[in-house]
Protein backbone atom coordinates (compact mmCIF):
# COMPACT_ATOMS: atom_id res chain seq x y z
CA UNK A 1 -166.86 -47.71 28.05
CA UNK A 2 -169.55 -45.00 27.86
CA UNK A 3 -171.34 -42.28 29.83
CA UNK A 4 -173.05 -43.13 33.09
CA UNK A 5 -176.74 -42.30 33.46
CA UNK A 6 -177.26 -38.55 33.94
CA UNK A 7 -173.62 -37.68 33.22
CA UNK A 8 -174.17 -35.85 29.94
CA UNK A 9 -174.31 -32.35 31.41
CA UNK A 10 -170.72 -32.42 32.59
CA UNK A 11 -169.54 -29.87 35.15
CA UNK A 12 -170.19 -26.68 33.13
CA UNK A 13 -173.55 -25.19 34.15
CA UNK A 14 -173.24 -21.98 32.08
CA UNK A 15 -173.43 -21.43 28.32
CA UNK A 16 -170.04 -21.26 26.60
CA UNK A 17 -169.78 -18.34 24.17
CA UNK A 18 -173.57 -18.25 24.04
CA UNK A 19 -174.05 -21.99 23.44
CA UNK A 20 -175.09 -24.81 25.74
CA UNK A 21 -172.48 -27.56 25.96
CA UNK A 22 -173.63 -31.13 26.67
CA UNK A 23 -172.79 -34.70 25.73
CA UNK A 24 -175.38 -37.15 24.45
CA UNK A 25 -173.04 -40.09 23.93
CA UNK A 26 -169.33 -40.84 24.37
CA UNK A 27 -168.05 -44.33 23.56
CA UNK A 28 -164.50 -45.67 23.65
CA UNK A 29 -163.20 -49.12 22.67
CA UNK A 30 -159.62 -50.23 23.30
CA UNK A 31 -157.72 -53.39 22.38
CA UNK A 32 -154.16 -54.24 23.45
CA UNK A 33 -151.90 -57.24 22.90
CA UNK A 34 -148.58 -57.76 24.72
CA UNK A 35 -145.93 -60.48 24.44
CA UNK A 36 -142.75 -60.77 26.53
CA UNK A 37 -140.31 -63.63 25.80
CA UNK A 38 -137.85 -63.99 28.71
CA UNK A 39 -134.53 -65.83 28.91
CA UNK A 40 -132.21 -66.30 31.90
CA UNK A 41 -129.01 -68.25 32.52
CA UNK A 42 -126.78 -68.83 35.56
CA UNK A 43 -123.34 -70.40 35.83
CA UNK A 44 -121.13 -70.78 38.90
CA UNK A 45 -117.97 -72.69 39.71
CA UNK A 46 -115.26 -73.15 42.32
CA UNK A 47 -111.54 -72.44 41.77
CA UNK A 48 -109.85 -74.16 44.65
CA UNK A 49 -111.18 -73.74 48.17
CA UNK A 50 -111.19 -69.97 48.39
CA UNK A 51 -112.28 -68.64 44.99
CA UNK A 52 -115.77 -68.82 43.51
CA UNK A 53 -116.95 -67.56 40.10
CA UNK A 54 -120.58 -66.58 39.42
CA UNK A 55 -122.14 -65.36 36.15
CA UNK A 56 -125.74 -64.47 35.36
CA UNK A 57 -127.57 -63.29 32.27
CA UNK A 58 -131.18 -62.30 31.61
CA UNK A 59 -133.00 -60.93 28.56
CA UNK A 60 -136.58 -59.75 28.00
CA UNK A 61 -138.04 -58.46 24.74
CA UNK A 62 -141.57 -57.06 25.03
CA UNK A 63 -143.80 -56.04 22.11
CA UNK A 64 -147.20 -54.38 22.40
CA UNK A 65 -149.83 -53.39 19.85
CA UNK A 66 -152.87 -51.29 20.65
CA UNK A 67 -155.87 -49.94 18.76
CA UNK A 68 -158.51 -47.54 19.97
CA UNK A 69 -161.69 -46.16 18.43
CA UNK A 70 -164.12 -43.68 19.86
CA UNK A 71 -166.96 -41.37 18.95
CA UNK A 72 -168.92 -38.62 20.67
CA UNK A 73 -172.26 -36.97 19.92
CA UNK A 74 -173.69 -33.81 21.48
CA UNK A 75 -172.83 -30.10 21.56
CA UNK A 76 -169.11 -29.49 22.12
CA UNK A 77 -166.47 -26.78 21.84
CA UNK A 78 -162.75 -27.07 21.05
CA UNK A 79 -160.44 -24.17 21.87
CA UNK A 80 -157.62 -25.90 19.98
CA UNK A 81 -159.73 -25.80 16.78
CA UNK A 82 -161.54 -22.61 17.79
CA UNK A 83 -164.79 -24.27 16.73
CA UNK A 84 -168.02 -25.76 17.98
CA UNK A 85 -168.87 -29.24 16.74
CA UNK A 86 -171.71 -31.72 16.99
CA UNK A 87 -169.87 -35.03 16.83
CA UNK A 88 -166.39 -36.49 16.43
CA UNK A 89 -164.76 -39.80 15.56
CA UNK A 90 -161.24 -40.84 16.54
CA UNK A 91 -159.04 -43.77 15.61
CA UNK A 92 -155.64 -44.46 17.13
CA UNK A 93 -153.03 -47.17 16.66
CA UNK A 94 -149.84 -47.66 18.61
CA UNK A 95 -146.88 -49.99 18.83
CA UNK A 96 -144.10 -50.17 21.41
CA UNK A 97 -141.05 -52.34 21.92
CA UNK A 98 -139.00 -52.73 25.09
CA UNK A 99 -135.75 -54.70 25.00
CA UNK A 100 -133.76 -55.22 28.19
CA UNK A 101 -130.80 -57.44 28.92
CA UNK A 102 -128.33 -57.64 31.79
CA UNK A 103 -125.19 -59.67 32.34
CA UNK A 104 -123.08 -59.88 35.47
CA UNK A 105 -119.91 -61.67 36.53
CA UNK A 106 -118.28 -61.68 39.95
CA UNK A 107 -115.33 -63.25 41.75
CA UNK A 108 -115.67 -64.09 45.45
CA UNK A 109 -112.42 -64.67 47.36
CA UNK A 110 -111.86 -65.71 50.97
CA UNK A 111 -108.78 -63.62 51.76
CA UNK A 112 -108.37 -65.00 55.30
CA UNK A 113 -110.89 -66.69 57.59
CA UNK A 114 -113.45 -64.01 58.48
CA UNK A 115 -112.57 -61.65 55.60
CA UNK A 116 -114.04 -61.97 52.08
CA UNK A 117 -113.49 -59.84 48.97
CA UNK A 118 -115.84 -59.60 46.00
CA UNK A 119 -115.25 -57.94 42.64
CA UNK A 120 -118.12 -57.73 40.18
CA UNK A 121 -118.82 -56.23 36.79
CA UNK A 122 -122.33 -55.69 35.43
CA UNK A 123 -123.45 -54.51 32.01
CA UNK A 124 -127.04 -53.73 31.09
CA UNK A 125 -128.88 -52.40 28.06
CA UNK A 126 -132.40 -51.01 27.79
CA UNK A 127 -134.14 -49.59 24.76
CA UNK A 128 -137.68 -48.39 24.27
CA UNK A 129 -139.21 -47.19 21.03
CA UNK A 130 -142.79 -46.45 20.19
CA UNK A 131 -145.01 -45.19 17.41
CA UNK A 132 -148.54 -43.79 17.54
CA UNK A 133 -150.87 -42.48 14.87
CA UNK A 134 -154.10 -40.67 15.77
CA UNK A 135 -156.73 -39.31 13.40
CA UNK A 136 -159.72 -37.29 14.58
CA UNK A 137 -162.61 -36.03 12.42
CA UNK A 138 -165.01 -33.33 13.68
CA UNK A 139 -168.47 -33.04 12.09
CA UNK A 140 -170.96 -30.15 11.91
CA UNK A 141 -168.40 -27.55 12.96
CA UNK A 142 -168.74 -23.77 13.18
CA UNK A 143 -166.09 -21.30 14.19
CA UNK A 144 -166.72 -19.27 17.34
CA UNK A 145 -168.23 -16.41 15.30
CA UNK A 146 -170.84 -18.77 13.84
CA UNK A 147 -169.44 -18.87 10.28
CA UNK A 148 -167.51 -21.24 8.00
CA UNK A 149 -169.36 -24.51 8.63
CA UNK A 150 -167.81 -27.81 7.58
CA UNK A 151 -165.94 -30.89 8.74
CA UNK A 152 -162.39 -30.75 10.10
CA UNK A 153 -159.80 -33.55 10.35
CA UNK A 154 -156.62 -33.61 12.47
CA UNK A 155 -153.72 -36.04 12.34
CA UNK A 156 -151.10 -36.63 15.00
CA UNK A 157 -148.10 -38.88 14.43
CA UNK A 158 -145.45 -39.39 17.10
CA UNK A 159 -142.29 -41.49 17.12
CA UNK A 160 -140.06 -41.65 20.15
CA UNK A 161 -137.11 -43.80 21.17
CA UNK A 162 -134.88 -44.24 24.21
CA UNK A 163 -131.71 -46.29 24.51
CA UNK A 164 -129.57 -46.59 27.61
CA UNK A 165 -126.42 -48.61 28.42
CA UNK A 166 -124.89 -48.92 31.89
CA UNK A 167 -121.63 -50.54 32.99
CA UNK A 168 -120.87 -50.96 36.69
CA UNK A 169 -117.63 -52.08 38.38
CA UNK A 170 -117.66 -52.62 42.14
CA UNK A 171 -115.36 -53.96 44.85
CA UNK A 172 -116.66 -55.12 48.24
CA UNK A 173 -115.08 -56.27 51.51
CA UNK A 174 -117.01 -58.31 54.08
CA UNK A 175 -115.66 -58.95 57.58
CA UNK A 176 -116.89 -61.16 60.42
CA UNK A 177 -114.89 -60.00 63.44
CA UNK A 178 -117.27 -61.80 65.83
CA UNK A 179 -119.50 -64.83 65.29
CA UNK A 180 -122.63 -62.69 65.69
CA UNK A 181 -121.44 -59.63 63.70
CA UNK A 182 -120.98 -59.00 59.96
CA UNK A 183 -119.68 -55.71 58.49
CA UNK A 184 -119.20 -54.71 54.85
CA UNK A 185 -118.07 -51.78 52.70
CA UNK A 186 -118.22 -51.27 48.93
CA UNK A 187 -116.98 -48.82 46.32
CA UNK A 188 -118.30 -48.71 42.76
CA UNK A 189 -118.19 -46.63 39.60
CA UNK A 190 -120.53 -46.78 36.64
CA UNK A 191 -120.88 -45.06 33.31
CA UNK A 192 -124.15 -44.57 31.47
CA UNK A 193 -124.72 -43.73 27.82
CA UNK A 194 -128.13 -42.68 26.55
CA UNK A 195 -129.60 -41.80 23.17
CA UNK A 196 -132.94 -39.98 23.19
CA UNK A 197 -135.08 -39.35 20.10
CA UNK A 198 -138.16 -37.39 21.23
CA UNK A 199 -141.31 -36.93 19.17
CA UNK A 200 -141.95 -33.49 17.75
CA UNK A 201 -145.33 -33.59 19.49
CA UNK A 202 -143.66 -33.48 22.92
CA UNK A 203 -143.22 -30.27 24.88
CA UNK A 204 -139.57 -29.21 24.64
CA UNK A 205 -137.97 -28.30 27.96
CA UNK A 206 -135.04 -25.88 28.29
CA UNK A 207 -131.95 -27.37 26.68
CA UNK A 208 -133.87 -29.72 24.37
CA UNK A 209 -134.75 -33.36 24.87
CA UNK A 210 -132.94 -35.23 22.12
CA UNK A 211 -129.34 -36.24 21.57
CA UNK A 212 -126.61 -38.51 22.92
CA UNK A 213 -125.56 -38.24 26.54
CA UNK A 214 -122.94 -39.75 28.84
CA UNK A 215 -123.14 -39.87 32.63
CA UNK A 216 -120.57 -41.07 35.19
CA UNK A 217 -121.68 -42.09 38.66
CA UNK A 218 -119.74 -42.98 41.82
CA UNK A 219 -121.14 -45.04 44.69
CA UNK A 220 -119.91 -45.56 48.26
CA UNK A 221 -121.76 -47.93 50.59
CA UNK A 222 -121.42 -49.66 53.91
CA UNK A 223 -123.47 -51.64 56.36
CA UNK A 224 -123.64 -54.33 58.96
CA UNK A 225 -125.76 -57.03 60.56
CA UNK A 226 -125.83 -58.34 64.13
CA UNK A 227 -127.63 -61.39 65.51
CA UNK A 228 -128.38 -61.16 69.23
CA UNK A 229 -130.26 -64.29 70.17
CA UNK A 230 -133.77 -64.05 68.74
CA UNK A 231 -133.09 -60.52 67.42
CA UNK A 232 -131.48 -59.75 64.07
CA UNK A 233 -130.50 -56.10 63.44
CA UNK A 234 -129.11 -54.68 60.19
CA UNK A 235 -128.58 -51.46 58.31
CA UNK A 236 -126.88 -49.92 55.30
CA UNK A 237 -125.85 -46.50 54.00
CA UNK A 238 -125.39 -45.61 50.32
CA UNK A 239 -124.11 -42.32 48.88
CA UNK A 240 -124.09 -41.64 45.13
CA UNK A 241 -123.03 -38.67 43.04
CA UNK A 242 -123.06 -38.10 39.28
CA UNK A 243 -121.34 -35.59 37.04
CA UNK A 244 -124.51 -34.65 35.11
CA UNK A 245 -128.18 -35.57 34.62
CA UNK A 246 -129.60 -37.08 31.43
CA UNK A 247 -133.29 -36.49 32.07
CA UNK A 248 -134.73 -33.82 34.33
CA UNK A 249 -135.54 -36.24 37.16
CA UNK A 250 -132.01 -37.68 37.32
CA UNK A 251 -130.20 -36.93 40.55
CA UNK A 252 -126.73 -35.44 40.90
CA UNK A 253 -126.49 -36.42 44.55
CA UNK A 254 -128.43 -39.10 46.41
CA UNK A 255 -128.18 -40.58 49.91
CA UNK A 256 -130.07 -43.61 51.17
CA UNK A 257 -130.36 -45.09 54.67
CA UNK A 258 -132.03 -48.41 55.37
CA UNK A 259 -132.49 -50.45 58.52
CA UNK A 260 -134.25 -53.70 59.34
CA UNK A 261 -134.90 -55.99 62.27
CA UNK A 262 -136.29 -59.47 62.67
CA UNK A 263 -137.55 -60.78 66.01
CA UNK A 264 -138.42 -64.46 66.44
CA UNK A 265 -140.62 -64.59 69.53
CA UNK A 266 -141.25 -68.33 69.29
CA UNK A 267 -141.27 -71.09 66.71
CA UNK A 268 -144.78 -69.91 65.78
CA UNK A 269 -144.45 -66.08 65.85
CA UNK A 270 -142.12 -63.74 63.97
CA UNK A 271 -141.97 -59.94 63.52
CA UNK A 272 -140.08 -58.22 60.68
CA UNK A 273 -139.72 -54.42 60.33
CA UNK A 274 -137.86 -52.21 57.84
CA UNK A 275 -137.36 -48.46 57.56
CA UNK A 276 -135.84 -46.46 54.71
CA UNK A 277 -135.07 -42.82 53.97
CA UNK A 278 -133.66 -41.31 50.76
CA UNK A 279 -132.81 -37.80 49.55
CA UNK A 280 -132.07 -36.86 45.92
CA UNK A 281 -131.17 -33.51 44.40
CA UNK A 282 -130.05 -31.71 41.27
CA UNK A 283 -129.23 -28.05 42.03
CA UNK A 284 -129.00 -26.98 38.37
CA UNK A 285 -130.88 -23.61 38.35
CA UNK A 286 -132.85 -24.60 35.23
CA UNK A 287 -134.04 -27.84 36.90
CA UNK A 288 -133.87 -27.36 40.72
CA UNK A 289 -134.94 -30.94 41.37
CA UNK A 290 -135.17 -32.16 44.95
CA UNK A 291 -136.92 -35.16 46.45
CA UNK A 292 -137.01 -37.04 49.72
CA UNK A 293 -139.05 -39.96 50.96
CA UNK A 294 -139.43 -42.11 54.04
CA UNK A 295 -140.89 -45.59 54.09
CA UNK A 296 -141.37 -48.14 56.83
CA UNK A 297 -143.23 -51.40 57.06
CA UNK A 298 -143.98 -54.05 59.68
CA UNK A 299 -144.94 -57.68 59.05
CA UNK A 300 -146.16 -60.18 61.67
CA UNK A 301 -146.26 -63.89 60.84
CA UNK A 302 -148.02 -66.55 62.90
CA UNK A 303 -147.59 -70.23 62.01
CA UNK A 304 -149.79 -72.37 64.28
CA UNK A 305 -149.23 -75.42 62.06
CA UNK A 306 -146.29 -76.26 59.83
CA UNK A 307 -148.11 -75.86 56.47
CA UNK A 308 -150.26 -72.88 57.56
CA UNK A 309 -149.12 -69.24 57.93
CA UNK A 310 -151.21 -66.19 58.87
CA UNK A 311 -149.73 -62.72 58.30
CA UNK A 312 -150.52 -59.02 58.68
CA UNK A 313 -148.62 -56.10 57.14
CA UNK A 314 -148.71 -52.36 57.81
CA UNK A 315 -146.95 -50.01 55.41
CA UNK A 316 -146.38 -46.24 55.52
CA UNK A 317 -144.91 -43.99 52.80
CA UNK A 318 -144.20 -40.26 52.63
CA UNK A 319 -142.64 -38.53 49.62
CA UNK A 320 -142.08 -34.89 48.61
CA UNK A 321 -140.53 -33.58 45.40
CA UNK A 322 -140.10 -30.34 43.51
CA UNK A 323 -139.12 -29.61 39.92
CA UNK A 324 -138.88 -26.37 37.95
CA UNK A 325 -141.29 -26.49 34.98
CA UNK A 326 -142.33 -24.24 32.10
CA UNK A 327 -145.94 -23.04 31.97
CA UNK A 328 -147.28 -23.83 28.48
CA UNK A 329 -149.57 -20.78 28.17
CA UNK A 330 -146.99 -18.04 28.77
CA UNK A 331 -143.64 -19.97 28.92
CA UNK A 332 -143.05 -18.67 32.44
CA UNK A 333 -141.37 -20.83 35.07
CA UNK A 334 -142.74 -22.17 38.33
CA UNK A 335 -142.15 -25.06 40.73
CA UNK A 336 -144.11 -28.25 40.39
CA UNK A 337 -144.60 -29.59 43.92
CA UNK A 338 -145.80 -33.13 44.51
CA UNK A 339 -146.54 -34.95 47.75
CA UNK A 340 -147.45 -38.54 48.50
CA UNK A 341 -148.68 -39.53 51.96
CA UNK A 342 -149.84 -43.11 51.91
CA UNK A 343 -150.48 -46.03 54.20
CA UNK A 344 -151.45 -49.59 53.52
CA UNK A 345 -152.64 -52.63 55.45
CA UNK A 346 -152.79 -56.27 54.38
CA UNK A 347 -153.84 -59.54 55.96
CA UNK A 348 -153.76 -63.03 54.55
CA UNK A 349 -153.14 -66.72 54.94
CA UNK A 350 -150.90 -69.15 53.03
CA UNK A 351 -151.08 -72.93 53.02
CA UNK A 352 -148.37 -75.24 51.66
CA UNK A 353 -149.03 -78.95 51.27
CA UNK A 354 -147.31 -81.61 49.17
CA UNK A 355 -149.20 -80.92 45.93
CA UNK A 356 -151.34 -77.90 46.89
CA UNK A 357 -150.44 -74.25 47.42
CA UNK A 358 -153.16 -71.81 48.46
CA UNK A 359 -153.00 -68.05 49.17
CA UNK A 360 -155.78 -65.76 50.34
CA UNK A 361 -155.42 -62.07 51.15
CA UNK A 362 -156.98 -58.63 51.30
CA UNK A 363 -155.22 -55.26 51.33
CA UNK A 364 -156.08 -51.59 51.30
CA UNK A 365 -153.91 -48.64 50.32
CA UNK A 366 -154.80 -44.99 50.93
CA UNK A 367 -152.97 -41.88 49.68
CA UNK A 368 -153.66 -38.45 51.20
CA UNK A 369 -151.15 -36.52 49.04
CA UNK A 370 -151.72 -34.38 45.95
CA UNK A 371 -153.72 -37.21 44.37
CA UNK A 372 -155.91 -38.64 47.16
CA UNK A 373 -157.21 -42.12 46.40
CA UNK A 374 -158.09 -45.46 47.95
CA UNK A 375 -157.39 -48.89 46.48
CA UNK A 376 -158.82 -52.11 47.88
CA UNK A 377 -157.82 -55.56 46.64
CA UNK A 378 -158.90 -59.12 47.36
CA UNK A 379 -157.12 -62.14 45.91
CA UNK A 380 -156.94 -65.90 46.15
CA UNK A 381 -154.68 -68.33 44.30
CA UNK A 382 -154.48 -72.12 43.94
CA UNK A 383 -151.67 -74.24 42.56
CA UNK A 384 -152.27 -77.98 42.30
CA UNK A 385 -149.58 -80.37 41.11
CA UNK A 386 -151.16 -83.19 39.08
CA UNK A 387 -147.86 -84.90 38.29
CA UNK A 388 -144.17 -84.03 38.68
CA UNK A 389 -144.35 -82.10 35.40
CA UNK A 390 -147.99 -81.00 35.05
CA UNK A 391 -149.98 -78.65 37.26
CA UNK A 392 -153.02 -76.38 37.36
CA UNK A 393 -152.92 -72.77 38.54
CA UNK A 394 -155.99 -70.60 39.21
CA UNK A 395 -156.46 -67.09 40.56
CA UNK A 396 -159.26 -64.67 41.40
CA UNK A 397 -158.61 -60.97 42.03
CA UNK A 398 -161.02 -58.11 42.76
CA UNK A 399 -159.99 -54.43 42.85
CA UNK A 400 -161.87 -51.25 43.77
CA UNK A 401 -160.40 -47.80 43.14
CA UNK A 402 -161.80 -44.48 44.37
CA UNK A 403 -160.16 -41.14 43.56
CA UNK A 404 -161.36 -38.28 45.74
CA UNK A 405 -160.58 -35.39 43.38
CA UNK A 406 -162.11 -37.11 40.34
CA UNK A 407 -165.06 -39.36 41.25
CA UNK A 408 -165.43 -40.29 37.56
CA UNK A 409 -162.19 -42.30 37.89
CA UNK A 410 -163.87 -44.79 40.23
CA UNK A 411 -163.81 -48.38 39.04
CA UNK A 412 -164.10 -51.92 40.28
CA UNK A 413 -162.57 -54.80 38.35
CA UNK A 414 -162.65 -58.58 38.67
CA UNK A 415 -160.05 -60.90 37.21
CA UNK A 416 -160.27 -64.67 36.83
CA UNK A 417 -157.63 -67.00 35.43
CA UNK A 418 -157.10 -70.72 34.93
CA UNK A 419 -153.69 -71.90 33.70
CA UNK A 420 -151.91 -75.16 33.03
CA UNK A 421 -148.18 -75.37 33.71
CA UNK A 422 -145.75 -77.89 32.39
CA UNK A 423 -142.10 -78.39 33.34
CA UNK A 424 -139.92 -80.18 30.83
CA UNK A 425 -137.19 -82.57 31.89
């Protein structure tokens, strides 16, 4: 990655402290390698006619290594160093590890015909740790008064870690008072334990960032679903409250409402729509976090032939949040306000045959919030089964991104892939 033609002058048209600032060359090279082994297991069984046991377990352990080198030549100024410099070289290495596992067991009991009870217990663990080391060397430097020439080197080393355990116990009742109606209610409690080890290079917020924390959360939920001929209506309500936050964007109170409908107009045409609204808050005067969002989407599917499906999707999202932050230059406090106002549209076709699966689609997403941007994407995928165990999978994907506030962030990217899959027996 380097400078585009004519981009060396930057956006500063005036001399800085009596010197012209311009870039002759900026190059950056990045390499990253990621591996994620994944394991999952499921076990279920029946105890008599009315009791069913279900257990699940999943584990993922991701490792990533990255290396980055860059250099720049021109006439620059650094207020952090309080120096001018003619060129710089930077080398950075990083490593991160993310381990996540989750296990769940539940008992489903038919109390009487039309009334079911479910008790479940879920335990999960997530830990993230990372290390980065960055060295930068500045050549041909002068301080802002024009004296003390020489080369300057800086070193930044950061180590950070995050570990979080969550245990959830929940009881749920499901009733079917009428053949076309289903109602349910649930009550759950969970406890969370977190250990945070922040890097010294991070900005410290009021109260500090490191330490061991415990958080208890209570959840109450209810909902229902009704089938009226070709129309299926459903909705749910969830209220959660916690005794304390762990990080500044944790909620103390949260309420979520969600509704959906499905309308089957014929054996060839189907319409599905969902709407969701959520509000979160933490009234702590040192945090003053509040957020709300609304989201709704509509999907229309048309299936003129059994193996062929055409679809269109429209999606709308609106989110607003506020958070009290500390200004780094004078340590004063102010609100950070953030808004997202986005909409997306997608159209595509899917074909399913005996040994061939094909998908083709195009979508566009536009955000008019604090960070206005547009993202367009085209994709096509093929999956061909050669034998019962062996198959070939191919995909092509093209993306174009345009950010209104920062035109330099524009990019277009193409991705091609050809894979062989094998299923052991």
